[in-house]
Amino acid sequence: MTTRHRFRSSPRVPRAGTVSYRSALRTPGAMAFFLAAAPGRVGVAMSGLGIVWLVHGETGSFGAAGLVTGAFAVAETVVGPQTARLLDRYGQPRVLVPLLCAHAGALAALVALVLAGAPGAALMAAGLAAGATVPQFGALSAARWSALLHGRPELTPAFALETLANEVAFLVGPALAVLAATRVHPAAGTALAGALVVGAGLVLAALRRTAPVPAARPAGDRTAGAAHGAGGLWTRDFAVLLAVNLALGVFFGSTQVSVSAFADAHGAASAAGLLYGVMSAASLLAGLAYGRWQRDAVPAVRLPLILTCLACASLLPLLAGSPWQLCLALLLPGACVAPCVIVSSTLVARTVDRSVLTQAFTWTNSASAAGIAVAAAAVGRLVDGSGGARGGFAVPLVVVAVTAGLAWAGRRAAEPERLPVEARL
């Protein structure tokens, strides 16, 4: 009989100095799927801006472009976890091929409709189809890492690599999409994004050796699969992790808008990208360092600590009075972000049943995306009103502080000494 353990009772990592990224990548098959997923991540990061420039380039309307891009993003967020259920149930190789074919068809239809001057409703329908069929490469790769390294110290640097790869993809992807659409053809960004997604996905599907074993339902049991999946995923611990990722999304969405508003208010609108880039660079460097750091403290202890640090660091932008002061004030919050993502991913791998890992990682991605979307819209209205940029900076401070309290309360609610011995191993 298998005992489900809570993330608050996760085993301690032995004190063995640092665990290198090389040791994680030397795991048989790891380098292949990690490199295979890299172009796909860039393609996904290109998709939004690629569609914006595709639609705007042909219609001249940013409003229409926003509607189609929004349809893509909504479908990606809502349908993604449902697709992940199929990936867990039937396996990545079996599901990825038809999914990628559908995605390629949806993008081809979108490009053709835009070039043909189709009405907005048709463009939104094609955008919905494209978003509903885009693979979540972060979730696919994270599920493979967890299957290969479950219970091993190399899992932390592996998730650090995941975080760094996503950060780099979302730095490179948007710039590449704009460059292709403006220098080649309005459809070039979308076409290149689709080619990267489909190509990387097909290579990943071919790497069967590292794909997680499908969670097959016992023959004749119509309820076991559903019960197993629900029991292994929807727990109080996983709900806390969803809240953490939602809060991180709110942090990103609020900070993007608030930094832009602050820079504009101080006559330095062109510096907004640089200011946000400084925070992203701090996150990258902190994630790189954290991925090699192994200590006795368990991830469930680190999570509320890092969230508390992020909440305290979020006070600094409120005190900034000039762009250069804001630049310095964003360094510490940025340095907290990547470690928080890494610890959250580690806890997801340790908390949920291994048969629903792809779903779990997809849900956390969706929570973060939802946080970004809601915060960007709400904070945009706030900074336009009496709150200004400082009102916008106050939003992530409050949300992260509340989430840190939830993480502390969740950890203290555990009673690991009452758990069976096998739950602590």
Protein backbone atom coordinates (compact mmCIF):
# COMPACT_ATOMS: atom_id res chain seq x y z
CA MET A 1 0.00 0.00 0.00
CA THR A 2 1.46 3.34 -1.07
CA THR A 3 1.41 6.18 1.45
CA ARG A 4 1.06 9.65 0.01
CA HIS A 5 3.49 12.00 1.73
CA ARG A 6 3.00 15.72 2.16
CA PHE A 7 5.49 18.20 0.79
CA ARG A 8 6.09 19.51 4.27
CA SER A 9 7.60 16.18 5.23
CA SER A 10 9.87 15.96 2.19
CA PRO A 11 13.16 14.17 2.79
CA ARG A 12 16.19 16.25 3.58
CA VAL A 13 18.85 16.58 0.93
CA PRO A 14 22.14 15.22 2.20
CA ARG A 15 24.82 17.80 2.93
CA ALA A 16 27.17 17.01 0.10
CA GLY A 17 28.34 20.39 -1.04
CA THR A 18 26.97 21.48 -4.35
CA VAL A 19 25.33 19.34 -6.99
CA SER A 20 26.45 20.44 -10.43
CA TYR A 21 24.29 21.03 -13.49
CA ARG A 22 26.61 18.63 -15.26
CA SER A 23 25.55 15.77 -13.00
CA ALA A 24 21.90 16.38 -13.88
CA LEU A 25 22.57 16.64 -17.61
CA ARG A 26 24.73 13.50 -17.52
CA THR A 27 21.69 11.46 -16.52
CA PRO A 28 21.10 9.09 -19.47
CA GLY A 29 18.73 10.74 -21.93
CA ALA A 30 18.48 14.05 -20.06
CA MET A 31 20.64 16.16 -22.36
CA ALA A 32 18.69 14.98 -25.40
CA PHE A 33 15.21 15.94 -24.20
CA PHE A 34 16.40 19.17 -22.57
CA LEU A 35 18.00 20.38 -25.80
CA ALA A 36 15.04 19.12 -27.85
CA ALA A 37 12.61 21.19 -25.79
CA ALA A 38 14.69 24.40 -26.04
CA PRO A 39 13.54 25.50 -29.54
CA GLY A 40 9.95 24.70 -28.57
CA ARG A 41 10.16 27.02 -25.58
CA VAL A 42 11.36 29.82 -27.84
CA GLY A 43 8.54 29.09 -30.28
CA VAL A 44 5.92 29.32 -27.54
CA ALA A 45 7.46 32.57 -26.30
CA MET A 46 7.25 33.96 -29.86
CA SER A 47 3.62 33.00 -30.41
CA GLY A 48 1.86 35.94 -28.76
CA LEU A 49 3.85 38.75 -30.39
CA GLY A 50 3.99 36.81 -33.64
CA ILE A 51 0.19 36.83 -33.82
CA VAL A 52 0.05 40.50 -32.83
CA TRP A 53 2.30 41.52 -35.72
CA LEU A 54 0.64 39.09 -38.13
CA VAL A 55 -2.85 40.51 -37.56
CA HIS A 56 -1.74 44.12 -37.22
CA GLY A 57 0.46 43.90 -40.30
CA GLU A 58 -2.46 42.83 -42.47
CA THR A 59 -5.36 44.69 -40.82
CA GLY A 60 -3.63 47.76 -39.42
CA SER A 61 -5.53 47.28 -36.16
CA PHE A 62 -3.91 46.57 -32.81
CA GLY A 63 -7.40 46.07 -31.41
CA ALA A 64 -8.05 43.12 -33.71
CA ALA A 65 -4.56 41.81 -33.01
CA GLY A 66 -5.22 41.96 -29.27
CA LEU A 67 -8.47 40.04 -29.59
CA VAL A 68 -6.87 37.21 -31.57
CA THR A 69 -3.84 37.06 -29.25
CA GLY A 70 -6.16 37.08 -26.24
CA ALA A 71 -8.14 34.17 -27.71
CA PHE A 72 -4.88 32.25 -28.17
CA ALA A 73 -3.80 32.93 -24.57
CA VAL A 74 -7.18 32.04 -23.05
CA ALA A 75 -7.35 28.75 -24.94
CA GLU A 76 -3.76 27.92 -23.98
CA THR A 77 -4.50 28.55 -20.29
CA VAL A 78 -7.86 26.77 -20.13
CA VAL A 79 -7.28 23.81 -22.45
CA GLY A 80 -3.64 23.17 -21.51
CA PRO A 81 -4.39 21.28 -18.26
CA GLN A 82 -6.97 19.14 -20.07
CA THR A 83 -4.42 18.24 -22.73
CA ALA A 84 -1.98 17.40 -19.95
CA ARG A 85 -4.46 14.81 -18.65
CA LEU A 86 -4.23 13.03 -21.99
CA LEU A 87 -0.43 13.24 -21.91
CA ASP A 88 -0.35 11.63 -18.46
CA ARG A 89 -2.97 9.05 -19.40
CA TYR A 90 -1.60 7.94 -22.77
CA GLY A 91 2.02 9.12 -22.71
CA GLN A 92 3.84 11.97 -24.42
CA PRO A 93 4.86 10.14 -27.63
CA ARG A 94 1.31 9.01 -28.37
CA VAL A 95 -0.40 12.37 -27.76
CA LEU A 96 2.21 14.82 -29.04
CA VAL A 97 2.08 13.83 -32.71
CA PRO A 98 -1.66 14.43 -33.28
CA LEU A 99 -1.50 17.51 -31.05
CA LEU A 100 1.31 19.00 -33.12
CA CYS A 101 -0.49 18.21 -36.37
CA ALA A 102 -3.56 20.03 -35.07
CA HIS A 103 -1.43 22.99 -33.98
CA ALA A 104 0.27 23.24 -37.36
CA GLY A 105 -3.13 23.13 -39.07
CA ALA A 106 -4.57 25.81 -36.79
CA LEU A 107 -1.62 28.17 -37.38
CA ALA A 108 -1.77 27.59 -41.13
CA ALA A 109 -5.49 28.38 -41.05
CA LEU A 110 -4.87 31.52 -39.01
CA VAL A 111 -2.23 32.81 -41.43
CA ALA A 112 -4.41 32.00 -44.45
CA LEU A 113 -7.46 33.71 -42.93
CA VAL A 114 -5.51 36.82 -42.02
CA LEU A 115 -3.96 37.09 -45.49
CA ALA A 116 -7.40 36.55 -47.05
CA GLY A 117 -8.92 39.37 -45.01
CA ALA A 118 -11.35 37.12 -43.10
CA PRO A 119 -13.66 38.66 -40.46
CA GLY A 120 -12.54 38.99 -36.85
CA ALA A 121 -14.71 36.12 -35.60
CA ALA A 122 -12.96 33.68 -37.94
CA LEU A 123 -9.55 34.94 -36.84
CA MET A 124 -10.47 34.52 -33.17
CA ALA A 125 -11.70 30.98 -33.83
CA ALA A 126 -8.38 30.11 -35.47
CA GLY A 127 -6.54 31.76 -32.56
CA LEU A 128 -8.53 29.67 -30.10
CA ALA A 129 -7.65 26.48 -32.00
CA ALA A 130 -3.96 27.39 -32.12
CA GLY A 131 -3.83 28.17 -28.40
CA ALA A 132 -5.71 25.01 -27.48
CA THR A 133 -3.20 22.81 -29.30
CA VAL A 134 0.13 24.39 -28.33
CA PRO A 135 2.24 21.99 -26.22
CA GLN A 136 3.54 23.14 -22.84
CA PHE A 137 7.23 22.35 -23.24
CA GLY A 138 8.07 23.39 -19.69
CA ALA A 139 5.60 20.88 -18.28
CA LEU A 140 6.71 18.14 -20.68
CA SER A 141 10.37 18.61 -19.80
CA ALA A 142 9.74 18.97 -16.06
CA ALA A 143 7.75 15.74 -16.02
CA ARG A 144 10.67 13.93 -17.67
CA TRP A 145 13.16 15.36 -15.17
CA SER A 146 10.98 14.26 -12.29
CA ALA A 147 10.56 10.76 -13.71
CA LEU A 148 14.32 10.40 -14.15
CA LEU A 149 15.53 12.02 -10.92
CA HIS A 150 12.73 11.41 -8.42
CA GLY A 151 14.18 11.53 -4.90
CA ARG A 152 17.69 12.45 -6.06
CA PRO A 153 19.56 15.69 -5.21
CA GLU A 154 20.11 16.40 -8.91
CA LEU A 155 16.42 17.31 -9.20
CA THR A 156 17.04 20.81 -7.82
CA PRO A 157 19.67 21.79 -10.44
CA ALA A 158 17.46 20.15 -13.08
CA PHE A 159 14.56 22.45 -12.18
CA ALA A 160 16.98 25.36 -12.04
CA LEU A 161 17.91 24.54 -15.63
CA GLU A 162 14.20 24.52 -16.48
CA THR A 163 13.72 27.95 -14.93
CA LEU A 164 16.77 29.38 -16.68
CA ALA A 165 15.70 27.90 -20.02
CA ASN A 166 12.25 29.47 -19.71
CA GLU A 167 13.75 32.83 -18.73
CA VAL A 168 16.07 32.80 -21.74
CA ALA A 169 13.24 31.70 -24.06
CA PHE A 170 11.06 34.62 -22.99
CA LEU A 171 13.96 37.02 -23.44
CA VAL A 172 14.85 35.75 -26.92
CA GLY A 173 11.43 34.70 -28.26
CA PRO A 174 9.56 38.03 -28.31
CA ALA A 175 12.52 39.87 -29.82
CA LEU A 176 12.88 37.20 -32.51
CA ALA A 177 9.14 37.34 -33.30
CA VAL A 178 9.20 41.11 -33.78
CA LEU A 179 12.38 40.94 -35.86
CA ALA A 180 10.95 38.29 -38.20
CA ALA A 181 7.58 40.03 -38.57
CA THR A 182 9.00 43.49 -39.19
CA ARG A 183 12.04 42.63 -41.29
CA VAL A 184 10.77 39.66 -43.34
CA HIS A 185 6.94 39.49 -43.49
CA PRO A 186 4.09 39.99 -41.01
CA ALA A 187 3.44 36.25 -41.11
CA ALA A 188 7.11 35.30 -40.62
CA GLY A 189 7.05 35.51 -36.83
CA THR A 190 4.04 33.21 -36.55
CA ALA A 191 5.42 30.81 -39.16
CA LEU A 192 8.79 30.59 -37.42
CA ALA A 193 7.14 30.09 -34.02
CA GLY A 194 5.03 27.26 -35.43
CA ALA A 195 8.04 25.62 -37.07
CA LEU A 196 10.01 25.69 -33.81
CA VAL A 197 7.10 24.30 -31.79
CA VAL A 198 6.25 21.52 -34.22
CA GLY A 199 9.87 20.57 -34.91
CA ALA A 200 10.85 20.46 -31.25
CA GLY A 201 7.69 18.60 -30.34
CA LEU A 202 8.27 15.88 -32.93
CA VAL A 203 11.84 15.37 -31.72
CA LEU A 204 10.59 15.18 -28.13
CA ALA A 205 7.94 12.64 -29.13
CA ALA A 206 10.65 10.50 -30.72
CA LEU A 207 12.64 10.38 -27.47
CA ARG A 208 10.54 7.63 -25.94
CA ARG A 209 13.14 6.34 -23.47
CA THR A 210 12.82 9.33 -21.13
CA ALA A 211 9.07 9.84 -21.48
CA PRO A 212 7.16 9.24 -18.20
CA VAL A 213 5.29 5.94 -18.08
CA PRO A 214 1.59 6.49 -18.90
CA ALA A 215 -0.81 6.20 -15.96
CA ALA A 216 -2.83 3.35 -17.40
CA ARG A 217 -6.23 2.67 -15.81
CA PRO A 218 -6.80 -0.93 -14.74
CA ALA A 219 -8.94 -2.90 -17.16
CA GLY A 220 -12.60 -2.97 -16.19
CA ASP A 221 -12.19 -0.14 -13.63
CA ARG A 222 -14.02 2.95 -14.84
CA THR A 223 -13.35 5.02 -11.76
CA ALA A 224 -9.83 4.12 -10.72
CA GLY A 225 -8.13 6.40 -13.19
CA ALA A 226 -10.19 9.43 -12.27
CA ALA A 227 -9.91 8.81 -8.57
CA HIS A 228 -6.21 8.20 -8.79
CA GLY A 229 -5.63 11.36 -10.73
CA ALA A 230 -7.80 13.51 -8.50
CA GLY A 231 -6.34 12.10 -5.32
CA GLY A 232 -2.79 12.57 -6.53
CA LEU A 233 -3.31 16.14 -7.71
CA TRP A 234 -5.97 18.07 -5.83
CA THR A 235 -4.54 18.18 -2.33
CA ARG A 236 -4.14 21.05 0.13
CA ASP A 237 -0.40 21.11 -0.52
CA PHE A 238 -0.90 21.43 -4.27
CA ALA A 239 -3.44 24.20 -3.71
CA VAL A 240 -0.76 26.15 -1.81
CA LEU A 241 1.65 25.67 -4.71
CA LEU A 242 -1.00 26.90 -7.15
CA ALA A 243 -1.44 29.96 -4.95
CA VAL A 244 2.33 30.54 -5.02
CA ASN A 245 2.43 30.44 -8.81
CA LEU A 246 -0.63 32.67 -9.04
CA ALA A 247 1.13 35.15 -6.75
CA LEU A 248 4.27 35.02 -8.91
CA GLY A 249 2.10 35.76 -11.94
CA VAL A 250 0.60 38.74 -10.12
CA PHE A 251 4.13 39.89 -9.29
CA PHE A 252 5.21 39.72 -12.94
CA GLY A 253 2.07 41.32 -14.36
CA SER A 254 1.97 44.11 -11.77
CA THR A 255 5.67 44.88 -12.02
CA GLN A 256 5.67 45.11 -15.80
CA VAL A 257 2.90 47.71 -15.79
CA SER A 258 4.16 49.58 -12.74
CA VAL A 259 7.73 49.86 -14.01
CA SER A 260 6.45 51.23 -17.33
CA ALA A 261 4.21 53.74 -15.54
CA PHE A 262 7.03 54.81 -13.21
CA ALA A 263 9.48 55.33 -16.07
CA ASP A 264 6.91 57.30 -18.06
CA ALA A 265 6.04 59.50 -15.07
CA HIS A 266 9.73 60.39 -14.68
CA GLY A 267 10.23 61.24 -18.35
CA ALA A 268 12.20 58.09 -19.07
CA ALA A 269 9.67 55.86 -20.84
CA SER A 270 12.37 54.34 -23.06
CA ALA A 271 14.16 53.05 -19.95
CA ALA A 272 11.25 50.80 -18.90
CA GLY A 273 12.63 47.84 -20.81
CA LEU A 274 16.07 48.30 -19.29
CA LEU A 275 14.62 48.53 -15.76
CA TYR A 276 12.63 45.34 -16.20
CA GLY A 277 15.63 43.70 -17.85
CA VAL A 278 17.73 44.42 -14.75
CA MET A 279 15.21 42.53 -12.64
CA SER A 280 15.19 39.63 -15.11
CA ALA A 281 18.99 39.51 -15.09
CA ALA A 282 18.99 39.38 -11.29
CA SER A 283 16.53 36.49 -11.45
CA LEU A 284 18.69 34.62 -13.97
CA LEU A 285 21.85 34.99 -11.89
CA ALA A 286 20.10 34.03 -8.65
CA GLY A 287 18.57 30.98 -10.31
CA LEU A 288 21.95 29.95 -11.67
CA ALA A 289 23.50 30.19 -8.20
CA TYR A 290 20.59 28.54 -6.41
CA GLY A 291 20.60 25.56 -8.75
CA ARG A 292 24.01 24.58 -7.39
CA TRP A 293 23.16 25.23 -3.74
CA GLN A 294 22.28 22.19 -1.63
CA ARG A 295 21.77 22.48 2.12
CA ASP A 296 19.97 20.63 4.87
CA ALA A 297 16.87 22.84 4.79
CA VAL A 298 14.04 21.03 3.01
CA PRO A 299 12.26 22.78 0.10
CA ALA A 300 9.07 23.10 2.16
CA VAL A 301 11.00 25.27 4.63
CA ARG A 302 12.71 27.28 1.90
CA LEU A 303 9.46 28.17 0.12
CA PRO A 304 7.89 30.35 2.85
CA LEU A 305 11.32 31.83 3.60
CA ILE A 306 11.85 32.89 -0.01
CA LEU A 307 8.29 34.20 -0.27
CA THR A 308 8.84 36.25 2.88
CA CYS A 309 12.05 37.65 1.41
CA LEU A 310 10.21 38.49 -1.82
CA ALA A 311 7.44 40.24 0.12
CA CYS A 312 9.99 42.30 2.08
CA ALA A 313 11.97 43.08 -1.07
CA SER A 314 8.77 44.25 -2.76
CA LEU A 315 8.79 47.20 -0.37
CA LEU A 316 11.87 48.65 -2.07
CA PRO A 317 10.22 49.84 -5.33
CA LEU A 318 7.72 51.80 -3.22
CA LEU A 319 10.64 53.82 -1.81
CA ALA A 320 12.26 54.63 -5.17
CA GLY A 321 12.16 58.27 -6.21
CA SER A 322 14.00 58.13 -9.53
CA PRO A 323 14.65 55.61 -12.32
CA TRP A 324 18.15 54.78 -11.08
CA GLN A 325 16.80 54.19 -7.56
CA LEU A 326 14.11 51.91 -9.01
CA CYS A 327 16.82 50.05 -10.92
CA LEU A 328 18.57 49.24 -7.64
CA ALA A 329 15.25 48.52 -5.89
CA LEU A 330 14.35 45.85 -8.45
CA LEU A 331 17.53 43.82 -7.95
CA LEU A 332 16.52 42.11 -4.71
CA PRO A 333 12.95 41.21 -5.75
CA GLY A 334 14.33 39.84 -9.02
CA ALA A 335 16.87 37.72 -7.15
CA CYS A 336 14.03 36.08 -5.18
CA VAL A 337 11.94 35.09 -8.19
CA ALA A 338 13.93 32.25 -9.81
CA PRO A 339 14.68 30.47 -6.49
CA CYS A 340 10.98 30.62 -5.68
CA VAL A 341 10.10 29.04 -9.03
CA ILE A 342 12.74 26.33 -8.56
CA VAL A 343 11.56 25.41 -5.06
CA SER A 344 7.93 25.42 -6.19
CA SER A 345 8.75 23.04 -9.05
CA THR A 346 10.67 20.75 -6.69
CA LEU A 347 7.71 20.61 -4.34
CA VAL A 348 5.30 19.88 -7.18
CA ALA A 349 7.45 16.88 -8.12
CA ARG A 350 7.46 15.68 -4.49
CA THR A 351 3.84 16.44 -3.66
CA VAL A 352 1.67 15.12 -6.47
CA ASP A 353 1.31 11.56 -7.62
CA ARG A 354 3.83 10.80 -10.36
CA SER A 355 1.01 9.73 -12.69
CA VAL A 356 -0.29 13.32 -12.92
CA LEU A 357 2.98 15.24 -13.11
CA THR A 358 2.34 16.80 -16.51
CA GLN A 359 -1.06 18.02 -15.34
CA ALA A 360 0.45 19.46 -12.18
CA PHE A 361 3.15 21.43 -13.99
CA THR A 362 0.65 22.63 -16.59
CA TRP A 363 -1.73 23.84 -13.85
CA THR A 364 1.07 25.82 -12.17
CA ASN A 365 1.96 27.39 -15.52
CA SER A 366 -1.69 28.27 -16.07
CA ALA A 367 -1.94 29.78 -12.59
CA SER A 368 1.05 31.99 -13.30
CA ALA A 369 -0.37 33.03 -16.68
CA ALA A 370 -3.72 33.85 -15.09
CA GLY A 371 -1.99 35.95 -12.45
CA ILE A 372 -0.10 37.91 -15.11
CA ALA A 373 -3.25 38.56 -17.15
CA VAL A 374 -5.45 39.62 -14.23
CA ALA A 375 -2.76 41.75 -12.58
CA ALA A 376 -1.80 43.51 -15.79
CA ALA A 377 -5.42 44.50 -16.41
CA ALA A 378 -6.17 45.53 -12.83
CA VAL A 379 -2.91 47.38 -12.19
CA GLY A 380 -3.23 49.15 -15.53
CA ARG A 381 -6.44 50.76 -14.32
CA LEU A 382 -4.90 51.47 -10.92
CA VAL A 383 -1.86 53.32 -12.25
CA ASP A 384 -4.05 55.34 -14.62
CA GLY A 385 -6.06 56.52 -11.62
CA SER A 386 -5.05 58.10 -8.35
CA GLY A 387 -2.82 55.19 -7.30
CA GLY A 388 -0.08 55.84 -9.82
CA ALA A 389 2.98 53.63 -10.11
CA ARG A 390 3.33 53.31 -6.35
CA GLY A 391 -0.19 51.93 -6.13
CA GLY A 392 0.81 49.38 -8.74
CA PHE A 393 3.92 48.36 -6.80
CA ALA A 394 1.79 47.85 -3.68
CA VAL A 395 -0.25 45.08 -5.34
CA PRO A 396 2.50 42.41 -5.55
CA LEU A 397 3.64 43.34 -2.04
CA VAL A 398 0.21 42.54 -0.59
CA VAL A 399 -0.40 39.43 -2.68
CA VAL A 400 3.03 37.90 -2.03
CA ALA A 401 2.81 38.67 1.70
CA VAL A 402 -0.56 36.90 1.94
CA THR A 403 0.81 33.93 -0.02
CA ALA A 404 3.85 33.74 2.27
CA GLY A 405 1.45 33.58 5.22
CA LEU A 406 -0.40 30.70 3.55
CA ALA A 407 2.87 28.85 2.97
CA TRP A 408 3.91 29.28 6.62
CA ALA A 409 0.48 28.20 7.86
CA GLY A 410 0.49 25.17 5.57
CA ARG A 411 3.92 24.07 6.75
CA ARG A 412 3.05 24.42 10.44
CA ALA A 413 -0.15 22.44 9.96
CA ALA A 414 1.93 19.37 9.15
CA GLU A 415 2.67 16.79 11.80
CA PRO A 416 5.40 14.69 10.16
CA GLU A 417 6.13 12.83 13.35
CA ARG A 418 2.74 11.15 13.04
CA LEU A 419 3.35 9.95 9.51
CA PRO A 420 4.40 6.36 8.83
CA VAL A 421 8.10 5.77 8.35
CA GLU A 422 7.73 5.06 4.65
CA ALA A 423 6.13 8.49 4.12
CA ARG A 424 9.31 10.19 5.33
CA LEU A 425 11.66 8.31 3.03
